[in-house]
Amino acid sequence: MFNPFKKKSALENLQDKYKKLLAEAHSLSQRDRKAGDQKMVEAEEVGKQIEALRAK
């Protein structure tokens, strides 16, 4: 049954953060390439954390 109070796992939180950073990087890259690249670096770091959690 649907549980509205269920907390997200650490992996789900990181995946949401990763998607959000990629979207921000895309929108920023259209206006400010340097800021877009910085967001991509942040997204890559989160991606590495996701891979580390999956490897466990």
PDB file of N, CA and C in Angstrom:
ATOM      1  N   MET A   1       0.841  -1.173   0.000  1.00  0.00           N
ATOM      2  CA  MET A   1       0.000   0.000   0.000  1.00  0.00           C
ATOM      3  C   MET A   1       0.889   1.240   0.000  1.00  0.00           C
ATOM      4  N   PHE A   2       0.361   2.314  -0.469  1.00  0.00           N
ATOM      5  CA  PHE A   2       1.084   3.576  -0.557  1.00  0.00           C
ATOM      6  C   PHE A   2       1.324   4.154   0.834  1.00  0.00           C
ATOM      7  N   ASN A   3       2.574   4.497   1.100  1.00  0.00           N
ATOM      8  CA  ASN A   3       2.926   5.066   2.391  1.00  0.00           C
ATOM      9  C   ASN A   3       3.489   6.470   2.163  1.00  0.00           C
ATOM     10  N   PRO A   4       2.742   7.525   2.463  1.00  0.00           N
ATOM     11  CA  PRO A   4       3.209   8.883   2.202  1.00  0.00           C
ATOM     12  C   PRO A   4       4.343   9.326   3.136  1.00  0.00           C
ATOM     13  N   PHE A   5       4.597   8.564   4.203  1.00  0.00           N
ATOM     14  CA  PHE A   5       5.616   8.959   5.161  1.00  0.00           C
ATOM     15  C   PHE A   5       6.933   8.216   4.967  1.00  0.00           C
ATOM     16  N   LYS A   6       7.014   7.405   3.932  1.00  0.00           N
ATOM     17  CA  LYS A   6       8.228   6.637   3.676  1.00  0.00           C
ATOM     18  C   LYS A   6       9.354   7.592   3.264  1.00  0.00           C
ATOM     19  N   LYS A   7      10.480   7.428   3.895  1.00  0.00           N
ATOM     20  CA  LYS A   7      11.625   8.262   3.564  1.00  0.00           C
ATOM     21  C   LYS A   7      12.382   7.652   2.397  1.00  0.00           C
ATOM     22  N   LYS A   8      13.018   8.512   1.635  1.00  0.00           N
ATOM     23  CA  LYS A   8      13.807   8.048   0.508  1.00  0.00           C
ATOM     24  C   LYS A   8      15.139   7.504   1.017  1.00  0.00           C
ATOM     25  N   SER A   9      15.664   6.555   0.283  1.00  0.00           N
ATOM     26  CA  SER A   9      16.971   6.020   0.634  1.00  0.00           C
ATOM     27  C   SER A   9      18.045   7.021   0.200  1.00  0.00           C
ATOM     28  N   ALA A  10      19.251   6.796   0.655  1.00  0.00           N
ATOM     29  CA  ALA A  10      20.365   7.678   0.295  1.00  0.00           C
ATOM     30  C   ALA A  10      20.591   7.640  -1.218  1.00  0.00           C
ATOM     31  N   LEU A  11      20.436   6.463  -1.804  1.00  0.00           N
ATOM     32  CA  LEU A  11      20.623   6.332  -3.244  1.00  0.00           C
ATOM     33  C   LEU A  11      19.572   7.140  -4.007  1.00  0.00           C
ATOM     34  N   GLU A  12      18.331   7.072  -3.579  1.00  0.00           N
ATOM     35  CA  GLU A  12      17.263   7.831  -4.238  1.00  0.00           C
ATOM     36  C   GLU A  12      17.494   9.332  -4.104  1.00  0.00           C
ATOM     37  N   ASN A  13      17.962   9.775  -2.942  1.00  0.00           N
ATOM     38  CA  ASN A  13      18.253  11.197  -2.747  1.00  0.00           C
ATOM     39  C   ASN A  13      19.367  11.652  -3.678  1.00  0.00           C
ATOM     40  N   LEU A  14      20.414  10.831  -3.809  1.00  0.00           N
ATOM     41  CA  LEU A  14      21.522  11.193  -4.691  1.00  0.00           C
ATOM     42  C   LEU A  14      21.089  11.209  -6.154  1.00  0.00           C
ATOM     43  N   GLN A  15      20.238  10.276  -6.543  1.00  0.00           N
ATOM     44  CA  GLN A  15      19.758  10.249  -7.920  1.00  0.00           C
ATOM     45  C   GLN A  15      18.933  11.491  -8.238  1.00  0.00           C
ATOM     46  N   ASP A  16      18.098  11.908  -7.302  1.00  0.00           N
ATOM     47  CA  ASP A  16      17.321  13.136  -7.498  1.00  0.00           C
ATOM     48  C   ASP A  16      18.239  14.345  -7.611  1.00  0.00           C
ATOM     49  N   LYS A  17      19.241  14.404  -6.751  1.00  0.00           N
ATOM     50  CA  LYS A  17      20.194  15.509  -6.777  1.00  0.00           C
ATOM     51  C   LYS A  17      20.961  15.532  -8.097  1.00  0.00           C
ATOM     52  N   TYR A  18      21.339  14.345  -8.592  1.00  0.00           N
ATOM     53  CA  TYR A  18      22.070  14.219  -9.848  1.00  0.00           C
ATOM     54  C   TYR A  18      21.227  14.748 -11.009  1.00  0.00           C
ATOM     55  N   LYS A  19      19.962  14.344 -11.077  1.00  0.00           N
ATOM     56  CA  LYS A  19      19.077  14.809 -12.144  1.00  0.00           C
ATOM     57  C   LYS A  19      18.897  16.319 -12.087  1.00  0.00           C
ATOM     58  N   LYS A  20      18.759  16.851 -10.873  1.00  0.00           N
ATOM     59  CA  LYS A  20      18.574  18.287 -10.703  1.00  0.00           C
ATOM     60  C   LYS A  20      19.817  19.052 -11.174  1.00  0.00           C
ATOM     61  N   LEU A  21      20.996  18.553 -10.813  1.00  0.00           N
ATOM     62  CA  LEU A  21      22.231  19.219 -11.218  1.00  0.00           C
ATOM     63  C   LEU A  21      22.420  19.179 -12.732  1.00  0.00           C
ATOM     64  N   LEU A  22      22.068  18.058 -13.355  1.00  0.00           N
ATOM     65  CA  LEU A  22      22.189  17.970 -14.815  1.00  0.00           C
ATOM     66  C   LEU A  22      21.249  18.957 -15.500  1.00  0.00           C
ATOM     67  N   ALA A  23      20.044  19.095 -14.978  1.00  0.00           N
ATOM     68  CA  ALA A  23      19.100  20.051 -15.559  1.00  0.00           C
ATOM     69  C   ALA A  23      19.602  21.483 -15.391  1.00  0.00           C
ATOM     70  N   GLU A  24      20.135  21.786 -14.222  1.00  0.00           N
ATOM     71  CA  GLU A  24      20.689  23.128 -13.989  1.00  0.00           C
ATOM     72  C   GLU A  24      21.878  23.383 -14.906  1.00  0.00           C
ATOM     73  N   ALA A  25      22.737  22.384 -15.058  1.00  0.00           N
ATOM     74  CA  ALA A  25      23.914  22.539 -15.908  1.00  0.00           C
ATOM     75  C   ALA A  25      23.498  22.800 -17.350  1.00  0.00           C
ATOM     76  N   HIS A  26      22.480  22.115 -17.804  1.00  0.00           N
ATOM     77  CA  HIS A  26      22.017  22.313 -19.175  1.00  0.00           C
ATOM     78  C   HIS A  26      21.473  23.729 -19.376  1.00  0.00           C
ATOM     79  N   SER A  27      20.641  24.183 -18.446  1.00  0.00           N
ATOM     80  CA  SER A  27      20.075  25.523 -18.603  1.00  0.00           C
ATOM     81  C   SER A  27      21.148  26.605 -18.457  1.00  0.00           C
ATOM     82  N   LEU A  28      22.100  26.388 -17.560  1.00  0.00           N
ATOM     83  CA  LEU A  28      23.169  27.377 -17.394  1.00  0.00           C
ATOM     84  C   LEU A  28      24.116  27.405 -18.589  1.00  0.00           C
ATOM     85  N   SER A  29      24.348  26.256 -19.201  1.00  0.00           N
ATOM     86  CA  SER A  29      25.296  26.206 -20.311  1.00  0.00           C
ATOM     87  C   SER A  29      24.814  27.023 -21.501  1.00  0.00           C
ATOM     88  N   GLN A  30      23.521  27.239 -21.587  1.00  0.00           N
ATOM     89  CA  GLN A  30      22.980  28.042 -22.674  1.00  0.00           C
ATOM     90  C   GLN A  30      23.240  29.526 -22.465  1.00  0.00           C
ATOM     91  N   ARG A  31      23.424  29.940 -21.203  1.00  0.00           N
ATOM     92  CA  ARG A  31      23.636  31.352 -20.904  1.00  0.00           C
ATOM     93  C   ARG A  31      25.071  31.639 -20.461  1.00  0.00           C
ATOM     94  N   ASP A  32      25.605  30.759 -19.617  1.00  0.00           N
ATOM     95  CA  ASP A  32      26.919  30.987 -19.017  1.00  0.00           C
ATOM     96  C   ASP A  32      27.675  29.661 -18.998  1.00  0.00           C
ATOM     97  N   ARG A  33      28.553  29.496 -19.968  1.00  0.00           N
ATOM     98  CA  ARG A  33      29.237  28.219 -20.152  1.00  0.00           C
ATOM     99  C   ARG A  33      30.064  27.829 -18.924  1.00  0.00           C
ATOM    100  N   LYS A  34      30.727  28.776 -18.314  1.00  0.00           N
ATOM    101  CA  LYS A  34      31.574  28.486 -17.154  1.00  0.00           C
ATOM    102  C   LYS A  34      30.746  27.952 -15.986  1.00  0.00           C
ATOM    103  N   ALA A  35      29.611  28.577 -15.708  1.00  0.00           N
ATOM    104  CA  ALA A  35      28.742  28.125 -14.618  1.00  0.00           C
ATOM    105  C   ALA A  35      28.150  26.759 -14.946  1.00  0.00           C
ATOM    106  N   GLY A  36      27.821  26.529 -16.214  1.00  0.00           N
ATOM    107  CA  GLY A  36      27.300  25.231 -16.634  1.00  0.00           C
ATOM    108  C   GLY A  36      28.326  24.127 -16.444  1.00  0.00           C
ATOM    109  N   ASP A  37      29.577  24.430 -16.763  1.00  0.00           N
ATOM    110  CA  ASP A  37      30.650  23.448 -16.571  1.00  0.00           C
ATOM    111  C   ASP A  37      30.860  23.141 -15.091  1.00  0.00           C
ATOM    112  N   GLN A  38      30.729  24.152 -14.260  1.00  0.00           N
ATOM    113  CA  GLN A  38      30.882  23.948 -12.817  1.00  0.00           C
ATOM    114  C   GLN A  38      29.785  23.025 -12.281  1.00  0.00           C
ATOM    115  N   LYS A  39      28.569  23.192 -12.754  1.00  0.00           N
ATOM    116  CA  LYS A  39      27.465  22.316 -12.342  1.00  0.00           C
ATOM    117  C   LYS A  39      27.694  20.896 -12.839  1.00  0.00           C
ATOM    118  N   MET A  40      28.293  20.752 -14.016  1.00  0.00           N
ATOM    119  CA  MET A  40      28.587  19.411 -14.533  1.00  0.00           C
ATOM    120  C   MET A  40      29.611  18.711 -13.647  1.00  0.00           C
ATOM    121  N   VAL A  41      30.574  19.445 -13.146  1.00  0.00           N
ATOM    122  CA  VAL A  41      31.571  18.866 -12.240  1.00  0.00           C
ATOM    123  C   VAL A  41      30.884  18.394 -10.956  1.00  0.00           C
ATOM    124  N   GLU A  42      29.974  19.208 -10.438  1.00  0.00           N
ATOM    125  CA  GLU A  42      29.223  18.811  -9.239  1.00  0.00           C
ATOM    126  C   GLU A  42      28.398  17.557  -9.516  1.00  0.00           C
ATOM    127  N   ALA A  43      27.774  17.497 -10.692  1.00  0.00           N
ATOM    128  CA  ALA A  43      26.968  16.331 -11.054  1.00  0.00           C
ATOM    129  C   ALA A  43      27.837  15.082 -11.174  1.00  0.00           C
ATOM    130  N   GLU A  44      29.041  15.225 -11.703  1.00  0.00           N
ATOM    131  CA  GLU A  44      29.951  14.083 -11.821  1.00  0.00           C
ATOM    132  C   GLU A  44      30.354  13.567 -10.443  1.00  0.00           C
ATOM    133  N   GLU A  45      30.562  14.469  -9.496  1.00  0.00           N
ATOM    134  CA  GLU A  45      30.900  14.046  -8.131  1.00  0.00           C
ATOM    135  C   GLU A  45      29.751  13.253  -7.510  1.00  0.00           C
ATOM    136  N   VAL A  46      28.529  13.722  -7.713  1.00  0.00           N
ATOM    137  CA  VAL A  46      27.362  13.006  -7.198  1.00  0.00           C
ATOM    138  C   VAL A  46      27.239  11.656  -7.903  1.00  0.00           C
ATOM    139  N   GLY A  47      27.545  11.633  -9.204  1.00  0.00           N
ATOM    140  CA  GLY A  47      27.517  10.380  -9.957  1.00  0.00           C
ATOM    141  C   GLY A  47      28.501   9.366  -9.397  1.00  0.00           C
ATOM    142  N   LYS A  48      29.655   9.822  -8.982  1.00  0.00           N
ATOM    143  CA  LYS A  48      30.645   8.924  -8.375  1.00  0.00           C
ATOM    144  C   LYS A  48      30.137   8.379  -7.040  1.00  0.00           C
ATOM    145  N   GLN A  49      29.435   9.216  -6.280  1.00  0.00           N
ATOM    146  CA  GLN A  49      28.857   8.756  -5.015  1.00  0.00           C
ATOM    147  C   GLN A  49      27.788   7.710  -5.263  1.00  0.00           C
ATOM    148  N   ILE A  50      27.008   7.895  -6.319  1.00  0.00           N
ATOM    149  CA  ILE A  50      25.966   6.920  -6.674  1.00  0.00           C
ATOM    150  C   ILE A  50      26.608   5.582  -7.021  1.00  0.00           C
ATOM    151  N   GLU A  51      27.665   5.631  -7.832  1.00  0.00           N
ATOM    152  CA  GLU A  51      28.361   4.394  -8.203  1.00  0.00           C
ATOM    153  C   GLU A  51      28.949   3.690  -6.987  1.00  0.00           C
ATOM    154  N   ALA A  52      29.471   4.466  -6.057  1.00  0.00           N
ATOM    155  CA  ALA A  52      30.042   3.877  -4.837  1.00  0.00           C
ATOM    156  C   ALA A  52      28.967   3.169  -4.009  1.00  0.00           C
ATOM    157  N   LEU A  53      27.779   3.776  -3.929  1.00  0.00           N
ATOM    158  CA  LEU A  53      26.682   3.158  -3.176  1.00  0.00           C
ATOM    159  C   LEU A  53      26.185   1.893  -3.870  1.00  0.00           C
ATOM    160  N   ARG A  54      26.159   1.914  -5.180  1.00  0.00           N
ATOM    161  CA  ARG A  54      25.700   0.733  -5.924  1.00  0.00           C
ATOM    162  C   ARG A  54      26.709  -0.415  -5.811  1.00  0.00           C
ATOM    163  N   ALA A  55      27.970  -0.078  -5.658  1.00  0.00           N
ATOM    164  CA  ALA A  55      29.011  -1.104  -5.581  1.00  0.00           C
ATOM    165  C   ALA A  55      28.962  -1.861  -4.254  1.00  0.00           C
ATOM    166  N   LYS A  56      28.355  -1.259  -3.242  1.00  0.00           N
ATOM    167  CA  LYS A  56      28.297  -1.900  -1.924  1.00  0.00           C
ATOM    168  C   LYS A  56      27.391  -3.086  -1.920  1.00  0.00           C
TER     169      LYS A  56
END
